[in-house]
């Protein structure tokens, strides 16, 4: 499953074609605004990784994005708004859930995405920093809930296909299935601080599948 800040260069270019959400003091719409937003987002992510939420400042973002801090305050309101918008931008990617032909393999693929993203220190730095920030900032927590809520909603076709194939009961909640796949992996990552691997990913997926087949998530 894709995670915060997992935008490729192509996806960033696509996001530049979109009109950013209305915010106080929004500058002229178009490519320049999108480029500014992307530059600010990159500075926010770098600051989070380097200093964590307590050390992230508007001054840091201004210095590393090239956007004057007066503009940052006017448009984003401060660090909290900058965090929220960085998550919003991360959610504008084109990620779709796997479609392997069976729910078992789809769920395993979802679980392996988590291992791939968080098992590599370089890939894990940004999403881990966002998750840490959510424990210290309610605005960041709201943004993170929104990000993953939107991700879980994208899993609806995955479960709908499984219902059509007779693999799970009608009315199975796609979001709950996706949460069930990721929960044991995130527990190891962020609570017990244990490593995760492909075997654990398969186990988490298979456990979620068994529960879904039993109607637990209807």
C-alpha atoms as a PDB file:
ATOM      1  CA  UNK A   1       0.000   0.000   0.000  1.00  0.00           C
ATOM      2  CA  UNK A   2       1.369   3.411  -0.938  1.00  0.00           C
ATOM      3  CA  UNK A   3       2.321   5.669   1.926  1.00  0.00           C
ATOM      4  CA  UNK A   4       2.835   9.356   2.609  1.00  0.00           C
ATOM      5  CA  UNK A   5       5.219  11.072   0.222  1.00  0.00           C
ATOM      6  CA  UNK A   6       5.425   8.138  -2.195  1.00  0.00           C
ATOM      7  CA  UNK A   7       5.073  10.367  -5.280  1.00  0.00           C
ATOM      8  CA  UNK A   8       7.149   9.677  -8.363  1.00  0.00           C
ATOM      9  CA  UNK A   9       8.377  12.519 -10.573  1.00  0.00           C
ATOM     10  CA  UNK A  10       5.667  11.672 -13.096  1.00  0.00           C
ATOM     11  CA  UNK A  11       3.015  11.883 -10.401  1.00  0.00           C
ATOM     12  CA  UNK A  12       4.394  15.227  -9.245  1.00  0.00           C
ATOM     13  CA  UNK A  13       4.037  16.487 -12.795  1.00  0.00           C
ATOM     14  CA  UNK A  14       0.449  15.258 -12.853  1.00  0.00           C
ATOM     15  CA  UNK A  15      -0.234  17.026  -9.570  1.00  0.00           C
ATOM     16  CA  UNK A  16       1.004  20.281 -11.094  1.00  0.00           C
ATOM     17  CA  UNK A  17      -1.882  20.089 -13.539  1.00  0.00           C
ATOM     18  CA  UNK A  18      -4.401  20.121 -10.698  1.00  0.00           C
ATOM     19  CA  UNK A  19      -5.705  23.228  -8.993  1.00  0.00           C
ATOM     20  CA  UNK A  20      -4.505  23.260  -5.366  1.00  0.00           C
ATOM     21  CA  UNK A  21      -7.144  23.390  -2.641  1.00  0.00           C
ATOM     22  CA  UNK A  22      -8.358  26.851  -1.736  1.00  0.00           C
ATOM     23  CA  UNK A  23      -6.411  28.343   1.150  1.00  0.00           C
ATOM     24  CA  UNK A  24      -6.100  31.839   2.573  1.00  0.00           C
ATOM     25  CA  UNK A  25      -3.858  33.943   0.396  1.00  0.00           C
ATOM     26  CA  UNK A  26      -3.672  31.488  -2.454  1.00  0.00           C
ATOM     27  CA  UNK A  27      -1.437  32.762  -5.243  1.00  0.00           C
ATOM     28  CA  UNK A  28      -2.217  32.593  -8.948  1.00  0.00           C
ATOM     29  CA  UNK A  29      -3.370  29.103 -10.004  1.00  0.00           C
ATOM     30  CA  UNK A  30      -1.405  27.097 -12.527  1.00  0.00           C
ATOM     31  CA  UNK A  31       2.059  25.597 -12.891  1.00  0.00           C
ATOM     32  CA  UNK A  32       3.860  28.124 -10.718  1.00  0.00           C
ATOM     33  CA  UNK A  33       1.541  27.530  -7.788  1.00  0.00           C
ATOM     34  CA  UNK A  34       1.911  23.760  -8.154  1.00  0.00           C
ATOM     35  CA  UNK A  35       5.704  24.031  -8.320  1.00  0.00           C
ATOM     36  CA  UNK A  36       5.710  26.223  -5.226  1.00  0.00           C
ATOM     37  CA  UNK A  37       3.515  23.739  -3.405  1.00  0.00           C
ATOM     38  CA  UNK A  38       5.786  20.843  -4.395  1.00  0.00           C
ATOM     39  CA  UNK A  39       8.910  22.753  -3.295  1.00  0.00           C
ATOM     40  CA  UNK A  40       7.313  23.551   0.058  1.00  0.00           C
ATOM     41  CA  UNK A  41       6.225  19.944   0.468  1.00  0.00           C
ATOM     42  CA  UNK A  42       9.762  18.695  -0.212  1.00  0.00           C
ATOM     43  CA  UNK A  43      11.150  21.107   2.378  1.00  0.00           C
ATOM     44  CA  UNK A  44       8.573  19.940   4.934  1.00  0.00           C
ATOM     45  CA  UNK A  45       9.489  16.298   4.344  1.00  0.00           C
ATOM     46  CA  UNK A  46      13.217  17.011   4.596  1.00  0.00           C
ATOM     47  CA  UNK A  47      12.703  18.944   7.803  1.00  0.00           C
ATOM     48  CA  UNK A  48      10.597  16.189   9.339  1.00  0.00           C
ATOM     49  CA  UNK A  49      13.236  13.573   8.582  1.00  0.00           C
ATOM     50  CA  UNK A  50      16.138  15.734   9.773  1.00  0.00           C
ATOM     51  CA  UNK A  51      14.612  17.313  12.873  1.00  0.00           C
ATOM     52  CA  UNK A  52      11.294  15.624  13.613  1.00  0.00           C
ATOM     53  CA  UNK A  53       8.068  17.477  14.298  1.00  0.00           C
ATOM     54  CA  UNK A  54       9.417  19.440  17.303  1.00  0.00           C
ATOM     55  CA  UNK A  55      12.289  20.815  15.225  1.00  0.00           C
ATOM     56  CA  UNK A  56      10.310  21.686  12.084  1.00  0.00           C
ATOM     57  CA  UNK A  57       9.894  25.444  11.698  1.00  0.00           C
ATOM     58  CA  UNK A  58       8.477  27.814   9.121  1.00  0.00           C
ATOM     59  CA  UNK A  59      11.932  29.393   8.898  1.00  0.00           C
ATOM     60  CA  UNK A  60      13.437  26.032   7.935  1.00  0.00           C
ATOM     61  CA  UNK A  61      10.804  25.472   5.252  1.00  0.00           C
ATOM     62  CA  UNK A  62      11.331  28.985   3.895  1.00  0.00           C
ATOM     63  CA  UNK A  63      15.088  28.505   3.674  1.00  0.00           C
ATOM     64  CA  UNK A  64      14.886  25.122   1.968  1.00  0.00           C
ATOM     65  CA  UNK A  65      11.959  25.837  -0.366  1.00  0.00           C
ATOM     66  CA  UNK A  66      12.933  29.343  -1.467  1.00  0.00           C
ATOM     67  CA  UNK A  67       9.463  30.602  -0.496  1.00  0.00           C
ATOM     68  CA  UNK A  68       9.394  33.624   1.799  1.00  0.00           C
ATOM     69  CA  UNK A  69       8.124  32.861   5.292  1.00  0.00           C
ATOM     70  CA  UNK A  70       5.514  35.633   4.990  1.00  0.00           C
ATOM     71  CA  UNK A  71       4.001  33.706   2.074  1.00  0.00           C
ATOM     72  CA  UNK A  72       4.146  30.471   4.046  1.00  0.00           C
ATOM     73  CA  UNK A  73       2.291  32.012   6.985  1.00  0.00           C
ATOM     74  CA  UNK A  74      -0.253  33.674   4.713  1.00  0.00           C
ATOM     75  CA  UNK A  75      -1.036  30.581   2.683  1.00  0.00           C
ATOM     76  CA  UNK A  76      -0.479  27.724   5.123  1.00  0.00           C
ATOM     77  CA  UNK A  77      -0.824  29.440   8.498  1.00  0.00           C
ATOM     78  CA  UNK A  78       2.198  27.745  10.067  1.00  0.00           C
ATOM     79  CA  UNK A  79       3.773  24.356  10.626  1.00  0.00           C
ATOM     80  CA  UNK A  80       0.439  22.590  11.229  1.00  0.00           C
ATOM     81  CA  UNK A  81      -0.960  23.738   7.899  1.00  0.00           C
ATOM     82  CA  UNK A  82       2.256  22.831   6.118  1.00  0.00           C
ATOM     83  CA  UNK A  83       2.066  19.281   7.483  1.00  0.00           C
ATOM     84  CA  UNK A  84      -1.574  18.885   6.500  1.00  0.00           C
ATOM     85  CA  UNK A  85      -0.973  20.103   2.957  1.00  0.00           C
ATOM     86  CA  UNK A  86       2.057  17.833   2.522  1.00  0.00           C
ATOM     87  CA  UNK A  87      -0.185  14.877   3.319  1.00  0.00           C
ATOM     88  CA  UNK A  88      -2.892  16.176   0.989  1.00  0.00           C
ATOM     89  CA  UNK A  89      -0.371  16.377  -1.832  1.00  0.00           C
ATOM     90  CA  UNK A  90       0.887  12.868  -1.091  1.00  0.00           C
ATOM     91  CA  UNK A  91      -2.704  11.664  -1.449  1.00  0.00           C
ATOM     92  CA  UNK A  92      -2.965  13.013  -4.993  1.00  0.00           C
ATOM     93  CA  UNK A  93      -1.006  10.124  -6.478  1.00  0.00           C
ATOM     94  CA  UNK A  94      -2.360   7.429  -8.775  1.00  0.00           C
ATOM     95  CA  UNK A  95      -1.940   4.396  -6.505  1.00  0.00           C
ATOM     96  CA  UNK A  96      -4.415   1.591  -7.030  1.00  0.00           C
ATOM     97  CA  UNK A  97      -4.701  -1.709  -5.121  1.00  0.00           C
ATOM     98  CA  UNK A  98      -3.379  -4.948  -6.645  1.00  0.00           C
ATOM     99  CA  UNK A  99      -5.491  -7.004  -9.011  1.00  0.00           C
ATOM    100  CA  UNK A 100      -3.925 -10.469  -9.129  1.00  0.00           C
ATOM    101  CA  UNK A 101      -7.090 -12.484  -9.745  1.00  0.00           C
ATOM    102  CA  UNK A 102      -7.535 -13.732  -6.168  1.00  0.00           C
ATOM    103  CA  UNK A 103      -8.150 -11.974  -2.873  1.00  0.00           C
ATOM    104  CA  UNK A 104      -5.439 -14.011  -1.172  1.00  0.00           C
ATOM    105  CA  UNK A 105      -2.759 -12.777  -3.522  1.00  0.00           C
ATOM    106  CA  UNK A 106      -4.158  -9.234  -3.554  1.00  0.00           C
ATOM    107  CA  UNK A 107      -3.910  -9.033   0.235  1.00  0.00           C
ATOM    108  CA  UNK A 108      -0.442 -10.541   0.200  1.00  0.00           C
ATOM    109  CA  UNK A 109       0.625  -7.929  -2.343  1.00  0.00           C
ATOM    110  CA  UNK A 110      -0.748  -5.170  -0.084  1.00  0.00           C
ATOM    111  CA  UNK A 111       1.191  -6.559   2.863  1.00  0.00           C
ATOM    112  CA  UNK A 112       4.387  -6.826   0.845  1.00  0.00           C
ATOM    113  CA  UNK A 113       4.057  -3.160  -0.131  1.00  0.00           C
ATOM    114  CA  UNK A 114       4.258  -2.307   3.564  1.00  0.00           C
ATOM    115  CA  UNK A 115       7.363  -4.449   3.962  1.00  0.00           C
ATOM    116  CA  UNK A 116       8.931  -2.847   0.901  1.00  0.00           C
ATOM    117  CA  UNK A 117       8.170   0.689   2.080  1.00  0.00           C
ATOM    118  CA  UNK A 118       9.090   0.314   5.731  1.00  0.00           C
ATOM    119  CA  UNK A 119      11.730  -2.394   5.503  1.00  0.00           C
ATOM    120  CA  UNK A 120      14.081  -0.050   3.645  1.00  0.00           C
ATOM    121  CA  UNK A 121      15.471   2.738   5.845  1.00  0.00           C
ATOM    122  CA  UNK A 122      15.576   5.288   3.041  1.00  0.00           C
ATOM    123  CA  UNK A 123      11.990   4.622   1.942  1.00  0.00           C
ATOM    124  CA  UNK A 124      10.749   4.492   5.529  1.00  0.00           C
ATOM    125  CA  UNK A 125      12.228   7.818   6.657  1.00  0.00           C
ATOM    126  CA  UNK A 126       9.428  10.100   5.455  1.00  0.00           C
ATOM    127  CA  UNK A 127       6.346   8.001   6.338  1.00  0.00           C
ATOM    128  CA  UNK A 128       7.871   7.162   9.714  1.00  0.00           C
ATOM    129  CA  UNK A 129       8.442  10.869  10.390  1.00  0.00           C
ATOM    130  CA  UNK A 130       4.824  11.625   9.484  1.00  0.00           C
ATOM    131  CA  UNK A 131       3.539   8.902  11.793  1.00  0.00           C
ATOM    132  CA  UNK A 132       5.733  10.212  14.622  1.00  0.00           C
ATOM    133  CA  UNK A 133       4.403  13.725  14.010  1.00  0.00           C
ATOM    134  CA  UNK A 134       0.831  12.431  14.307  1.00  0.00           C
ATOM    135  CA  UNK A 135       1.533  11.503  17.931  1.00  0.00           C
ATOM    136  CA  UNK A 136       2.522  15.099  18.662  1.00  0.00           C
ATOM    137  CA  UNK A 137       0.158  17.129  16.482  1.00  0.00           C
ATOM    138  CA  UNK A 138      -3.598  16.677  16.192  1.00  0.00           C
ATOM    139  CA  UNK A 139      -3.539  18.393  12.793  1.00  0.00           C
ATOM    140  CA  UNK A 140      -0.964  15.878  11.575  1.00  0.00           C
ATOM    141  CA  UNK A 141      -3.044  13.063  13.057  1.00  0.00           C
ATOM    142  CA  UNK A 142      -6.127  14.296  11.196  1.00  0.00           C
ATOM    143  CA  UNK A 143      -4.139  14.470   7.982  1.00  0.00           C
ATOM    144  CA  UNK A 144      -2.768  10.970   8.468  1.00  0.00           C
ATOM    145  CA  UNK A 145      -6.243   9.568   9.177  1.00  0.00           C
ATOM    146  CA  UNK A 146      -7.505  11.244   6.041  1.00  0.00           C
ATOM    147  CA  UNK A 147      -4.606   9.914   3.979  1.00  0.00           C
ATOM    148  CA  UNK A 148      -5.098   6.307   5.052  1.00  0.00           C
ATOM    149  CA  UNK A 149      -8.880   6.595   4.969  1.00  0.00           C
ATOM    150  CA  UNK A 150      -8.634   7.580   1.330  1.00  0.00           C
ATOM    151  CA  UNK A 151      -6.202   4.702   0.701  1.00  0.00           C
ATOM    152  CA  UNK A 152      -8.593   2.216   2.294  1.00  0.00           C
ATOM    153  CA  UNK A 153     -11.442   3.585   0.180  1.00  0.00           C
ATOM    154  CA  UNK A 154      -9.401   2.817  -2.936  1.00  0.00           C
ATOM    155  CA  UNK A 155      -9.390  -0.832  -1.849  1.00  0.00           C
ATOM    156  CA  UNK A 156     -13.146  -1.094  -2.380  1.00  0.00           C
ATOM    157  CA  UNK A 157     -12.801  -2.561  -5.924  1.00  0.00           C
ATOM    158  CA  UNK A 158     -10.413  -5.202  -4.567  1.00  0.00           C
ATOM    159  CA  UNK A 159     -13.065  -6.493  -2.163  1.00  0.00           C
ATOM    160  CA  UNK A 160     -15.878  -6.006  -4.680  1.00  0.00           C
ATOM    161  CA  UNK A 161     -14.073  -8.336  -7.086  1.00  0.00           C
ATOM    162  CA  UNK A 162     -13.626 -10.857  -4.286  1.00  0.00           C
ATOM    163  CA  UNK A 163     -17.362 -10.750  -3.514  1.00  0.00           C
ATOM    164  CA  UNK A 164     -18.160 -11.367  -7.191  1.00  0.00           C
ATOM    165  CA  UNK A 165     -15.823 -14.377  -7.174  1.00  0.00           C
ATOM    166  CA  UNK A 166     -17.529 -15.718  -4.051  1.00  0.00           C
ATOM    167  CA  UNK A 167     -14.375 -15.449  -1.934  1.00  0.00           C
ATOM    168  CA  UNK A 168     -15.934 -13.328   0.829  1.00  0.00           C
ATOM    169  CA  UNK A 169     -19.497 -12.499   1.886  1.00  0.00           C
ATOM    170  CA  UNK A 170     -21.394  -9.606   0.352  1.00  0.00           C
ATOM    171  CA  UNK A 171     -21.128  -6.494   2.496  1.00  0.00           C
ATOM    172  CA  UNK A 172     -17.510  -7.102   3.471  1.00  0.00           C
ATOM    173  CA  UNK A 173     -15.934  -3.777   4.480  1.00  0.00           C
ATOM    174  CA  UNK A 174     -12.870  -3.115   2.318  1.00  0.00           C
ATOM    175  CA  UNK A 175     -11.412  -0.618   4.757  1.00  0.00           C
ATOM    176  CA  UNK A 176     -11.579  -3.070   7.631  1.00  0.00           C
ATOM    177  CA  UNK A 177      -9.928  -5.772   5.549  1.00  0.00           C
ATOM    178  CA  UNK A 178      -7.101  -3.414   4.577  1.00  0.00           C
ATOM    179  CA  UNK A 179      -6.662  -2.364   8.212  1.00  0.00           C
ATOM    180  CA  UNK A 180      -6.528  -6.009   9.267  1.00  0.00           C
ATOM    181  CA  UNK A 181      -3.726  -6.678   6.798  1.00  0.00           C
ATOM    182  CA  UNK A 182      -1.618  -3.719   7.890  1.00  0.00           C
ATOM    183  CA  UNK A 183      -2.295  -3.697  11.646  1.00  0.00           C
ATOM    184  CA  UNK A 184       0.036  -6.515  12.769  1.00  0.00           C
ATOM    185  CA  UNK A 185       2.835  -5.163  10.593  1.00  0.00           C
ATOM    186  CA  UNK A 186       2.477  -1.623  11.912  1.00  0.00           C
ATOM    187  CA  UNK A 187       2.326  -2.996  15.469  1.00  0.00           C
ATOM    188  CA  UNK A 188       5.725  -4.593  15.010  1.00  0.00           C
ATOM    189  CA  UNK A 189       7.129  -1.515  13.312  1.00  0.00           C
ATOM    190  CA  UNK A 190       5.944   1.163  15.728  1.00  0.00           C
ATOM    191  CA  UNK A 191       5.056  -0.520  19.034  1.00  0.00           C
ATOM    192  CA  UNK A 192       7.378  -3.470  19.624  1.00  0.00           C
ATOM    193  CA  UNK A 193      10.010  -2.197  17.150  1.00  0.00           C
ATOM    194  CA  UNK A 194      10.514  -5.609  15.566  1.00  0.00           C
ATOM    195  CA  UNK A 195      11.645  -6.235  11.990  1.00  0.00           C
ATOM    196  CA  UNK A 196       9.112  -7.316   9.374  1.00  0.00           C
ATOM    197  CA  UNK A 197       9.607  -9.512   6.346  1.00  0.00           C
ATOM    198  CA  UNK A 198       7.789 -11.340   3.582  1.00  0.00           C
ATOM    199  CA  UNK A 199       6.819 -14.270   5.789  1.00  0.00           C
ATOM    200  CA  UNK A 200       5.123 -11.963   8.281  1.00  0.00           C
ATOM    201  CA  UNK A 201       3.454 -10.118   5.409  1.00  0.00           C
ATOM    202  CA  UNK A 202       1.960 -13.355   4.078  1.00  0.00           C
ATOM    203  CA  UNK A 203       0.814 -14.351   7.572  1.00  0.00           C
ATOM    204  CA  UNK A 204      -0.922 -11.014   8.143  1.00  0.00           C
ATOM    205  CA  UNK A 205      -2.655 -11.253   4.768  1.00  0.00           C
ATOM    206  CA  UNK A 206      -3.768 -14.831   5.315  1.00  0.00           C
ATOM    207  CA  UNK A 207      -5.149 -14.013   8.771  1.00  0.00           C
ATOM    208  CA  UNK A 208      -7.137 -11.089   7.359  1.00  0.00           C
ATOM    209  CA  UNK A 209      -8.431 -13.324   4.564  1.00  0.00           C
ATOM    210  CA  UNK A 210      -9.573 -15.999   7.008  1.00  0.00           C
ATOM    211  CA  UNK A 211     -11.439 -13.415   9.069  1.00  0.00           C
ATOM    212  CA  UNK A 212     -13.011 -11.889   5.972  1.00  0.00           C
ATOM    213  CA  UNK A 213     -14.199 -15.293   4.743  1.00  0.00           C
ATOM    214  CA  UNK A 214     -15.771 -15.904   8.157  1.00  0.00           C
ATOM    215  CA  UNK A 215     -17.785 -12.710   7.813  1.00  0.00           C
ATOM    216  CA  UNK A 216     -15.937 -10.814  10.535  1.00  0.00           C
ATOM    217  CA  UNK A 217     -15.824  -7.603   8.467  1.00  0.00           C
ATOM    218  CA  UNK A 218     -19.408  -7.505   7.235  1.00  0.00           C
END
